[in-house]
Amino acid sequence: PVRSRFPKLQLSLTEETTEHLIERLNRHEIDAAFLATPVDDEPGLQAIALFDEPFWLAAPRGHALTRCPEVTRKELSEAELLLLSDEHCLKQQTLEVCRHRKKVPLPSVPDLRASSLDTLLELVAAGIGCTLIPALATRGPWARSSRMDLRPLQVAGAHRRVVLAFRATYPRMAALTALADLVREEVPRDLVRVIEPSASGSPRRR
């Protein structure tokens, strides 16, 4: 869809941590980046909100959590959760989902840190523990794994907001808006809550 909609677009895709992508934006090495974290505290950057992506539980096949009618914060607090390494925003997002205003204890975390989501899911499939994954990851090859079960969470606020971030001085705002519209059209709406332009608000100038 991107090529057919924007035939003259020179598209270069790279997957990096949020910190590195923000650094590359500030160094003018890239024009925009899809981030799963807000940029409100990043001077000189703005963002277009695209969608809210819920978290799902990934557990070894037959794990006790997968037999629960609902997976809530209480169940998560009693689970052994595997996490990504510190530089990944998904680690902090996972811990935040498990927090609660009544101070339900955080789940026990084995002394294991994975550097990628694929590695994390390998550990889950091996029966080492459970983890939380973004909803869109449930459409990947792991969704068909016979060694793992995926379950939606029944936890208020258990989602992350995905945005298109860019420099406030970037001159081609119309191109970014068109790209954001395309993403909203193509993302599977049965997995995420799309944020329509009227609800996302206009980027603030800094």
Foldseek 3Di string as FASTA:
>chain_A
DVCVVCVPDDDDDDDDAPVVVLVCQVVVVDFKDKDLADCPVPPQKWWFWWWWWFKKKKAWPPDPQVVDPAAELLNQQAWAEEEADDRHPQRVLQQVLNQDPVGRDHHHYPPDHHNDPVVRNVCRLVRNTMYMDTQVCCPDPCVPDPGIDMGGHPGPPRITIIIMMGGLPRDPVVVVVVVSVVCNVPPDCVRIGTQDNVRRDDIDHD
